[in-house]
Protein backbone atom coordinates (compact mmCIF):
# COMPACT_ATOMS: atom_id res chain seq x y z
CA MET A 1 88.75 61.54 88.07
CA LYS A 2 90.48 61.18 84.73
CA ILE A 3 94.20 60.55 84.37
CA LEU A 4 94.66 63.97 82.73
CA ASP A 5 93.01 65.73 85.68
CA ARG A 6 95.18 63.85 88.18
CA TYR A 7 98.30 64.74 86.22
CA ILE A 8 97.39 68.44 86.00
CA LEU A 9 96.55 68.57 89.72
CA LYS A 10 99.85 66.89 90.61
CA SER A 11 101.72 69.37 88.40
CA PHE A 12 100.07 72.17 90.36
CA LEU A 13 100.03 70.79 93.92
CA VAL A 14 103.72 69.91 94.14
CA PRO A 15 105.00 73.45 93.45
CA PHE A 16 102.04 74.92 95.36
CA ILE A 17 102.91 73.16 98.63
CA ALA A 18 106.58 74.09 98.25
CA THR A 19 106.00 77.74 97.37
CA PHE A 20 103.27 78.16 99.99
CA LEU A 21 105.55 76.90 102.77
CA ILE A 22 108.48 79.03 101.57
CA VAL A 23 106.38 82.20 101.34
CA LEU A 24 104.79 81.46 104.73
CA PHE A 25 108.20 81.00 106.34
CA VAL A 26 109.58 84.21 104.84
CA LEU A 27 106.59 86.33 105.92
CA VAL A 28 106.53 84.87 109.45
CA MET A 29 110.27 85.49 109.87
CA GLN A 30 109.80 89.05 108.66
CA LEU A 31 107.19 89.77 111.34
CA LEU A 32 109.26 87.99 113.98
CA TRP A 33 112.27 90.11 113.04
CA GLN A 34 110.20 93.28 113.39
CA ALA A 35 109.13 92.23 116.90
CA PHE A 36 112.55 90.86 117.83
CA GLU A 37 113.84 94.24 119.00
CA ASN A 38 111.07 94.48 121.60
CA ILE A 39 111.32 90.93 122.96
CA ALA A 40 115.02 90.08 122.68
CA GLY A 41 116.96 90.24 125.94
CA LYS A 42 113.84 90.97 127.99
CA GLY A 43 113.68 87.60 129.74
CA VAL A 44 110.89 86.32 127.50
CA SER A 45 110.50 82.54 127.66
CA ILE A 46 110.69 80.19 124.69
CA GLY A 47 107.02 79.41 125.29
CA PHE A 48 106.11 83.00 124.50
CA ILE A 49 108.19 82.89 121.30
CA LEU A 50 106.44 79.71 120.17
CA LYS A 51 102.99 81.13 120.90
CA PHE A 52 103.89 84.33 119.09
CA LEU A 53 105.05 82.31 116.05
CA TYR A 54 101.90 80.18 116.15
CA TYR A 55 99.49 83.12 116.14
CA THR A 56 101.60 84.97 113.57
CA THR A 57 101.51 81.93 111.28
CA LEU A 58 97.72 81.77 111.50
CA MET A 59 97.54 85.47 110.59
CA ILE A 60 99.91 85.14 107.62
CA ILE A 61 98.26 82.10 105.99
CA PRO A 62 95.53 84.16 104.21
CA GLN A 63 98.24 86.37 102.75
CA ALA A 64 100.58 83.52 101.76
CA LEU A 65 97.85 81.44 100.12
CA PRO A 66 97.22 83.78 97.11
CA ILE A 67 100.98 84.16 96.55
CA GLY A 68 101.37 80.37 96.51
CA VAL A 69 98.47 80.00 94.05
CA LEU A 70 99.91 82.67 91.75
CA LEU A 71 103.47 81.34 91.73
CA SER A 72 102.54 77.65 91.44
CA SER A 73 100.05 78.31 88.62
CA ILE A 74 102.75 80.12 86.63
CA MET A 75 105.22 77.30 87.33
CA ALA A 76 102.79 74.49 86.51
CA MET A 77 101.56 76.02 83.24
CA GLY A 78 105.09 77.11 82.36
CA ASN A 79 106.42 73.57 82.82
CA LEU A 80 103.64 72.15 80.64
CA GLY A 81 104.42 74.67 77.90
CA GLU A 82 108.19 74.25 78.19
CA ASN A 83 107.93 70.46 77.85
CA TYR A 84 105.61 70.78 74.81
CA GLU A 85 102.80 69.10 76.72
CA PHE A 86 100.47 71.92 75.72
CA ALA A 87 101.23 71.25 72.08
CA ALA A 88 100.55 67.55 72.55
CA ALA A 89 97.27 68.24 74.33
CA LYS A 90 96.11 70.67 71.62
CA SER A 91 96.99 68.21 68.89
CA ALA A 92 94.78 65.68 70.72
CA GLY A 93 91.90 68.19 70.73
CA VAL A 94 92.20 69.22 74.40
CA SER A 95 91.73 72.98 74.85
CA LEU A 96 93.42 75.20 77.41
CA GLN A 97 90.15 75.60 79.30
CA ARG A 98 89.87 71.81 79.64
CA LEU A 99 93.47 71.56 80.87
CA VAL A 100 93.15 74.16 83.63
CA ARG A 101 89.63 73.14 84.71
CA PRO A 102 90.73 70.95 87.66
CA ILE A 103 93.15 73.63 88.87
CA ALA A 104 90.47 76.32 88.48
CA ILE A 105 88.09 74.28 90.63
CA LEU A 106 90.85 73.85 93.21
CA ALA A 107 91.52 77.61 93.17
CA ILE A 108 87.83 78.28 93.83
CA LEU A 109 87.87 75.82 96.73
CA LEU A 110 91.00 77.51 98.11
CA SER A 111 89.24 80.89 97.91
CA ILE A 112 86.29 79.50 99.86
CA ALA A 113 88.67 78.04 102.45
CA ASN A 114 90.53 81.36 102.57
CA PHE A 115 87.27 83.19 103.26
CA PHE A 116 86.39 80.93 106.19
CA PHE A 117 89.96 81.26 107.45
CA LEU A 118 89.80 85.06 107.21
CA ASN A 119 86.43 85.17 108.93
CA ASN A 120 87.13 82.76 111.78
CA VAL A 121 90.80 81.92 112.34
CA PHE A 122 92.37 85.28 111.43
CA PRO A 123 90.35 87.38 113.95
CA TYR A 124 91.08 84.81 116.68
CA ALA A 125 94.82 84.81 115.89
CA LYS A 126 94.96 88.62 115.72
CA LEU A 127 93.14 88.91 119.05
CA LYS A 128 95.39 86.38 120.78
CA GLN A 129 98.62 87.77 119.31
CA ALA A 130 97.83 91.38 120.20
CA ASN A 131 96.85 90.48 123.75
CA LEU A 132 99.83 88.15 124.13
CA TYR A 133 102.15 91.00 123.18
CA LEU A 134 100.25 93.46 125.40
CA ASN A 135 100.33 91.12 128.38
CA ILE A 136 104.03 90.38 128.00
CA LYS A 137 104.67 94.12 128.04
CA MET A 138 102.64 94.39 131.23
CA LYS A 139 104.44 91.40 132.67
CA LYS A 140 107.75 93.06 131.77
CA PRO A 141 106.69 96.70 132.30
CA ALA A 142 110.07 98.16 131.36
CA MET A 143 109.44 96.91 127.80
CA SER A 144 106.44 99.19 127.33
CA LEU A 145 107.97 102.39 128.71
CA ILE A 146 109.12 104.85 126.05
CA PRO A 147 111.43 107.79 126.89
CA GLY A 148 110.30 111.35 126.20
CA SER A 149 106.52 110.79 126.24
CA PHE A 150 103.78 109.93 128.71
CA ASN A 151 103.27 106.18 129.11
CA ALA A 152 99.78 104.99 130.05
CA ASP A 153 100.35 101.22 129.80
CA ILE A 154 100.64 100.85 133.59
CA PRO A 155 97.07 101.11 134.92
CA GLY A 156 96.17 104.19 136.97
CA TYR A 157 99.39 106.06 136.21
CA GLN A 158 100.96 108.22 133.55
CA ILE A 159 104.74 108.08 133.58
CA LYS A 160 107.23 110.25 131.73
CA PHE A 161 111.03 110.14 131.87
CA ASP A 162 113.99 111.34 129.82
CA GLU A 163 116.11 108.22 129.53
CA LYS A 164 115.96 104.46 130.08
CA TYR A 165 119.21 102.60 130.76
CA GLY A 166 120.77 99.65 132.57
CA ALA A 167 121.38 96.02 131.61
CA GLU A 168 117.65 95.25 131.79
CA GLU A 169 116.67 98.79 130.71
CA ASN A 170 114.61 99.21 133.87
CA LEU A 171 116.46 102.27 135.22
CA LEU A 172 114.86 105.67 134.56
CA LYS A 173 116.17 109.24 134.67
CA ASN A 174 114.20 112.44 135.46
CA VAL A 175 110.89 110.76 136.25
CA LEU A 176 107.48 112.48 136.31
CA ILE A 177 104.46 110.46 137.52
CA TYR A 178 100.77 111.40 137.58
CA ASP A 179 98.67 109.25 139.92
CA LEU A 180 95.22 109.02 138.30
CA ARG A 181 93.71 106.26 140.42
CA GLY A 182 91.28 108.60 142.16
CA GLY A 183 89.67 109.60 138.87
CA ARG A 184 90.07 113.32 139.67
CA GLY A 185 92.87 114.19 137.28
CA ASN A 186 96.50 114.83 138.12
CA GLN A 187 96.02 115.98 141.73
CA LYS A 188 98.84 113.68 142.85
CA VAL A 189 102.23 114.31 141.24
CA ILE A 190 105.60 112.65 141.93
CA THR A 191 108.95 113.74 140.50
CA ALA A 192 112.32 112.08 140.97
CA GLU A 193 115.84 112.28 139.60
CA LYS A 194 116.09 108.51 139.19
CA GLY A 195 113.78 105.52 139.23
CA LYS A 196 113.81 101.76 138.94
CA VAL A 197 111.12 99.32 137.75
CA LEU A 198 111.07 95.90 139.45
CA SER A 199 108.86 92.88 138.79
CA LYS A 200 108.96 89.17 139.51
CA GLU A 201 107.81 86.37 137.24
CA GLY A 202 104.25 85.36 138.15
CA SER A 203 103.71 88.27 140.57
CA ARG A 204 100.61 90.46 140.29
CA TYR A 205 102.60 93.51 141.44
CA ILE A 206 105.29 95.70 139.95
CA THR A 207 107.43 97.93 142.14
CA LEU A 208 108.62 101.47 141.41
CA VAL A 209 111.61 102.69 143.42
CA LEU A 210 112.23 106.45 143.12
CA ASN A 211 115.27 108.40 144.39
CA ASN A 212 115.78 112.10 145.23
CA GLY A 213 112.40 113.52 144.40
CA ASN A 214 109.31 115.45 145.44
CA PHE A 215 105.74 114.46 146.25
CA TYR A 216 102.72 116.75 145.89
CA GLU A 217 99.02 115.96 146.46
CA GLU A 218 95.85 118.07 146.56
CA HIS A 219 93.22 116.90 149.04
CA VAL A 220 90.11 118.65 147.72
CA LYS A 221 87.91 116.85 145.21
CA SER A 222 87.41 119.74 142.80
CA ALA A 223 87.78 123.48 142.44
CA ARG A 224 86.71 125.31 139.34
CA THR A 225 88.04 128.84 139.94
CA PRO A 226 91.69 129.86 140.45
CA ALA A 227 90.78 131.49 143.78
CA LYS A 228 89.36 128.25 145.15
CA ARG A 229 92.27 126.25 143.78
CA SER A 230 94.73 128.54 145.59
CA LYS A 231 92.96 127.79 148.91
CA MET A 232 92.82 124.00 148.48
CA ALA A 233 94.39 121.83 151.15
CA ALA A 234 97.53 120.14 149.83
CA SER A 235 100.60 118.34 151.07
CA SER A 236 104.13 118.15 149.69
CA ALA A 237 107.30 116.41 150.73
CA THR A 238 110.80 115.58 149.55
CA PHE A 239 112.31 112.12 149.73
CA LYS A 240 115.57 110.31 149.15
CA GLU A 241 113.85 107.02 148.37
CA TYR A 242 110.19 106.32 147.74
CA GLU A 243 108.90 102.84 146.94
CA PHE A 244 105.37 101.78 146.03
CA ASN A 245 103.65 98.79 144.42
CA ILE A 246 101.20 98.73 141.51
CA ASP A 247 98.65 95.95 141.24
CA VAL A 248 98.38 94.66 137.66
CA GLY A 249 96.75 91.34 138.57
CA ASP A 250 93.31 92.33 137.31
CA ILE A 251 94.68 93.24 133.92
CA LEU A 252 96.91 90.20 133.63
CA ASP A 253 94.22 87.76 134.81
CA ASP A 254 96.50 86.54 137.59
CA GLY A 255 99.51 86.34 135.32
CA LYS A 256 98.07 84.43 132.36
CA LEU A 257 99.59 85.54 129.08
CA ASP A 258 96.54 84.41 127.11
CA SER A 259 94.10 86.74 128.89
CA ILE A 260 92.02 89.03 126.66
CA ASN A 261 92.53 92.71 127.49
CA ASN A 262 92.32 94.38 124.09
CA THR A 263 89.48 93.92 121.58
CA GLY A 264 89.59 97.34 119.95
CA SER A 265 90.86 96.47 116.47
CA PRO A 266 88.49 95.79 113.55
CA MET A 267 90.75 92.93 112.48
CA MET A 268 89.71 91.11 115.68
CA PHE A 269 86.06 90.97 114.58
CA ARG A 270 84.31 88.36 112.50
CA LEU A 271 82.29 89.43 109.47
CA GLU A 272 78.99 89.20 111.35
CA GLU A 273 80.38 91.30 114.20
CA LEU A 274 81.69 93.91 111.77
CA LYS A 275 78.27 94.01 110.10
CA ASP A 276 76.65 94.77 113.46
CA THR A 277 79.34 97.23 114.57
CA VAL A 278 79.49 99.46 111.47
CA PRO A 279 75.84 100.72 111.70
CA LYS A 280 76.29 101.51 115.39
CA LEU A 281 79.46 103.48 114.73
CA LYS A 282 77.81 105.30 111.83
CA TYR A 283 74.78 106.19 113.95
CA THR A 284 77.03 107.47 116.75
CA TYR A 285 79.12 109.48 114.27
CA ASP A 286 76.06 111.07 112.60
CA GLU A 287 74.51 111.83 115.99
CA ASP A 288 77.71 113.43 117.26
CA MET A 289 78.08 115.53 114.10
CA GLN A 290 74.46 116.72 114.34
CA LEU A 291 74.90 117.59 118.02
CA ARG A 292 78.04 119.63 117.36
CA ALA A 293 76.38 121.39 114.42
CA ASN A 294 73.41 122.28 116.64
CA ASN A 295 75.75 123.63 119.33
CA ILE A 296 77.55 125.84 116.80
CA PHE A 297 74.23 127.08 115.44
CA ALA A 298 73.00 127.89 118.96
CA SER A 299 76.22 129.73 119.88
CA THR A 300 75.82 132.06 116.87
CA ASP A 301 72.39 133.22 118.14
CA ALA A 302 71.13 132.74 114.59
CA LYS A 303 67.71 131.73 115.88
CA GLU A 304 67.30 135.27 117.26
CA LEU A 305 67.35 136.70 113.72
CA ILE A 306 63.81 137.44 112.59
CA GLN A 307 62.87 138.32 109.03
CA ILE A 308 60.71 141.46 109.06
CA PRO A 309 58.16 141.96 106.25
CA ASP A 310 58.74 144.95 103.96
CA SER A 311 55.58 146.67 105.23
CA LEU A 312 56.95 146.78 108.78
CA GLN A 313 60.41 148.09 107.96
CA ASN A 314 61.49 151.40 109.47
CA ASN A 315 62.57 153.54 106.53
CA LYS A 316 64.40 155.92 108.89
CA LEU A 317 67.00 153.24 109.65
CA ALA A 318 70.02 152.87 107.40
CA LYS A 319 70.25 149.73 105.34
CA GLN A 320 73.71 148.99 106.73
CA THR A 321 73.17 147.86 110.33
CA LEU A 322 76.36 149.45 111.72
CA ASP A 323 75.45 152.84 110.27
CA ASN A 324 72.68 153.11 112.89
CA PHE A 325 75.18 153.18 115.80
CA GLU A 326 77.72 155.66 117.15
CA LEU A 327 81.45 155.06 116.68
CA THR A 328 82.03 153.72 120.20
CA GLU A 329 79.05 151.38 119.84
CA LYS A 330 80.38 150.17 116.48
CA ILE A 331 83.73 149.32 118.09
CA VAL A 332 82.01 147.38 120.87
CA ILE A 333 79.84 145.49 118.39
CA LEU A 334 82.76 144.65 116.11
CA ASN A 335 84.99 143.52 119.01
CA ALA A 336 82.21 141.25 120.28
CA ALA A 337 81.69 139.86 116.78
CA VAL A 338 85.41 139.17 116.35
CA ALA A 339 85.64 137.47 119.76
CA LYS A 340 82.61 135.28 119.05
CA THR A 341 83.94 134.44 115.59
CA ASN A 342 87.32 133.41 117.03
CA ARG A 343 85.59 131.22 119.60
CA LEU A 344 83.52 129.60 116.88
CA LEU A 345 86.59 129.04 114.70
CA SER A 346 88.38 127.43 117.64
CA THR A 347 85.36 125.22 118.31
CA ILE A 348 85.12 124.23 114.65
CA THR A 349 88.85 123.41 114.55
CA ASN A 350 88.58 121.21 117.64
CA ASN A 351 85.43 119.55 116.32
CA THR A 352 87.11 118.90 112.97
CA GLU A 353 89.98 116.94 114.55
CA ILE A 354 87.61 114.92 116.75
CA LEU A 355 85.24 114.17 113.88
CA LYS A 356 88.14 113.23 111.59
CA PHE A 357 89.32 110.69 114.14
CA LYS A 358 85.84 109.22 114.58
CA ARG A 359 85.31 109.11 110.82
CA LYS A 360 88.64 107.32 110.38
CA VAL A 361 87.65 104.72 112.97
CA LEU A 362 84.38 104.17 111.12
CA ASN A 363 86.28 103.91 107.82
CA LEU A 364 88.62 101.31 109.32
CA TYR A 365 85.70 99.08 110.25
CA GLU A 366 83.94 99.56 106.90
CA THR A 367 87.14 98.90 104.94
CA GLU A 368 87.89 95.77 106.95
CA TYR A 369 84.35 94.50 106.31
CA TYR A 370 84.61 94.78 102.52
CA ASN A 371 88.27 93.77 102.43
CA ARG A 372 87.50 90.36 103.97
CA VAL A 373 85.48 89.33 100.93
CA ALA A 374 87.80 91.01 98.41
CA LEU A 375 90.90 89.33 99.86
CA SER A 376 89.26 85.89 99.89
CA LEU A 377 88.70 86.16 96.11
CA SER A 378 92.38 86.94 95.49
CA CYS A 379 93.16 83.22 95.01
CA VAL A 380 90.80 83.02 92.02
CA ILE A 381 91.86 86.36 90.56
CA LEU A 382 95.59 85.64 90.81
CA PHE A 383 95.08 82.12 89.45
CA PHE A 384 93.42 83.45 86.29
CA ILE A 385 96.43 85.74 85.90
CA GLY A 386 99.09 83.15 86.70
CA ALA A 387 97.75 80.23 84.65
CA PRO A 388 97.48 82.05 81.29
CA LEU A 389 100.70 83.92 82.02
CA GLY A 390 102.54 80.62 82.52
CA SER A 391 101.08 79.15 79.31
CA ILE A 392 102.18 82.25 77.38
CA VAL A 393 105.78 82.53 78.65
CA ARG A 394 106.25 78.71 78.68
CA LYS A 395 109.02 78.78 81.27
CA GLY A 396 109.06 76.49 84.29
CA GLY A 397 111.26 76.37 87.37
CA PHE A 398 111.71 79.17 89.89
CA GLY A 399 113.45 81.79 87.73
CA MET A 400 111.03 83.43 85.33
CA PRO A 401 107.88 82.40 87.28
CA MET A 402 109.27 83.99 90.44
CA ILE A 403 109.95 87.29 88.65
CA LEU A 404 106.49 87.35 87.08
CA ALA A 405 104.79 86.39 90.36
CA ILE A 406 106.60 89.15 92.25
CA ALA A 407 105.64 91.74 89.62
CA VAL A 408 101.97 90.68 89.62
CA TYR A 409 101.64 90.42 93.40
CA VAL A 410 103.42 93.74 94.04
CA THR A 411 100.92 95.40 91.68
CA TYR A 412 98.01 93.70 93.45
CA HIS A 413 99.29 94.43 96.96
CA PHE A 414 100.21 98.05 96.19
CA SER A 415 96.81 98.80 94.66
CA ASN A 416 95.07 97.14 97.63
CA THR A 417 97.13 99.10 100.18
CA PHE A 418 96.69 102.33 98.21
CA GLY A 419 92.93 101.83 98.01
CA LYS A 420 92.62 101.07 101.71
CA GLY A 421 94.64 104.18 102.56
CA LEU A 422 92.38 106.37 100.43
CA ALA A 423 89.28 104.80 101.99
CA GLU A 424 90.56 105.28 105.55
CA ASN A 425 91.12 108.99 104.82
CA SER A 426 87.61 109.34 103.29
CA SER A 427 89.02 110.13 99.84
CA ILE A 428 86.98 107.30 98.34
CA THR A 429 84.31 104.96 99.66
CA ALA A 430 85.25 101.93 101.73
CA PHE A 431 83.75 99.61 99.12
CA LEU A 432 85.81 101.08 96.29
CA GLY A 433 88.98 101.19 98.40
CA SER A 434 88.66 97.49 99.25
CA TRP A 435 87.83 96.37 95.71
CA ILE A 436 90.15 98.66 93.74
CA SER A 437 92.83 95.96 93.43
CA ALA A 438 90.25 93.50 92.08
CA ILE A 439 88.94 96.15 89.67
CA ILE A 440 92.48 96.57 88.31
CA MET A 441 93.45 92.89 88.19
CA ILE A 442 90.26 91.31 86.81
CA PRO A 443 90.56 93.00 83.34
CA ILE A 444 94.20 91.89 83.23
CA ALA A 445 93.11 88.32 84.03
CA ILE A 446 90.47 88.42 81.27
CA LEU A 447 92.98 89.82 78.75
CA LEU A 448 95.64 87.22 79.56
CA THR A 449 93.11 84.36 79.53
CA ASN A 450 91.79 85.50 76.13
CA ARG A 451 95.27 85.76 74.60
CA ALA A 452 96.36 82.41 76.06
CA THR A 453 93.23 80.74 74.67
CA LYS A 454 94.02 82.12 71.19
CA ASP A 455 97.68 81.08 71.60
CA LYS A 456 98.95 84.64 71.32
CA GLY A 457 101.70 86.43 73.19
CA ILE A 458 101.19 89.05 75.83
CA PHE A 459 101.75 91.82 73.32
CA ASN A 460 101.75 91.59 69.55
CA ILE A 461 104.42 94.02 68.42
CA ASP A 462 103.24 93.93 64.82
CA THR A 463 99.87 95.31 65.89
CA PHE A 464 101.60 98.50 67.04
CA LEU A 465 104.23 98.69 64.30
CA GLN A 466 102.06 98.06 61.21
CA PRO A 467 100.08 101.35 61.40
CA ILE A 468 103.30 103.30 61.87
CA THR A 469 105.16 101.64 59.02
CA GLY A 470 102.08 101.95 56.81
CA PHE A 471 101.96 105.70 57.49
CA PHE A 472 105.58 106.21 56.50
CA LYS A 473 105.24 104.02 53.40
CA LYS A 474 102.21 106.05 52.29
CA TYR A 475 103.63 109.55 52.71
CA ILE A 476 107.36 109.00 52.26
CA PRO A 477 108.25 107.74 48.78
CA SER A 478 110.86 104.99 48.63
CA LYS A 479 114.24 105.83 47.09
CA LYS A 480 114.74 104.81 43.51
CA GLN A 481 117.78 102.77 42.86
């Protein structure tokens, strides 16, 4: 390696390591602060905090790496320009392309490393972090209970209450519990004025203590008609205190926080797994849509309509179908048509919401698949923006480079988030939504690289002003002295 290459790499690596660690620290602290409200004061051990920080750091590295490349490339090239080292290199016959070649190769290697990190480490960290947080909520069940809505985090039960209070926030007010362990719906219902959630560290059981409530249970497996339901055997009782245990050992893997209980996010899949999952989801979605369309077609009795040839038509019948019936028959026909139409509209509305949800799930997996590759190339794209930008502005340090890096990365991140949002809502394709930020930034990188190579500024004001001044000079005569 030549001395020039070593010098250029050193000029880049020193600010890169510093900026990368600073950005990584800031982003990790931001996520920790967002989760702090849910884990602070809940008896969570320092071991959990350290594991949470470890997995969060692994998840943030692919995001911090492009920011570090962008900021350090602006700083490195800005320092070289500010210290007139660019001018010295050009006078010695060294072009800009030759100067940035070692850094460009390093940026490509960082993009390759970022891709392998995104494809292997990121899904593992996301899986472990999500399940760590889920398991700690199950281990501290009061953490996962939300007032005013049904909570299904505790297995086999749905719990609703109006208020959560107490020093440990494990006291509940106006409790409603559906026992769903039998798999027959809400045939067992418990209500209480107050409740308390108890659990011990390392125990596979949590205890619910209810006060001043009612207990109701139906003892028949099923009854479809209201008449049969009114005759079902049932039992009810009132109580001052009712205590029962819930076994969560199977879910918690005997209390281990690292157990895997949730694998339902596309970010937890590797690229090969996403590639296998997307066709299955698409096949299921298309099959479900076809099935629902066939059901709607069958419910309209459209297959009963038969086209009669002109030679077999009865000329005595009126052309308007309803004109062949009496008034009372018309009313019956129209009422039946309106009722069937309303049922079909209700079915279509319900199908629309279900299909929208399934389509969004499919879009999430498709977007994540394409976004893995697009995000891994961000190091190269942002480098070819930062390096020429630094050589143009010729300002080193943290001041101007930081402002420019923030402006560029906000544009990149906003366009990427905007594209993913459009793709998830089926407004655009998943491929376009994932690559829209690259489509916007690559022309900017080419423009900046071209202007930096020709030693021009970002914008040449004279290029815009000369046509305007020429127009006024041509049509407005100058004043004679």
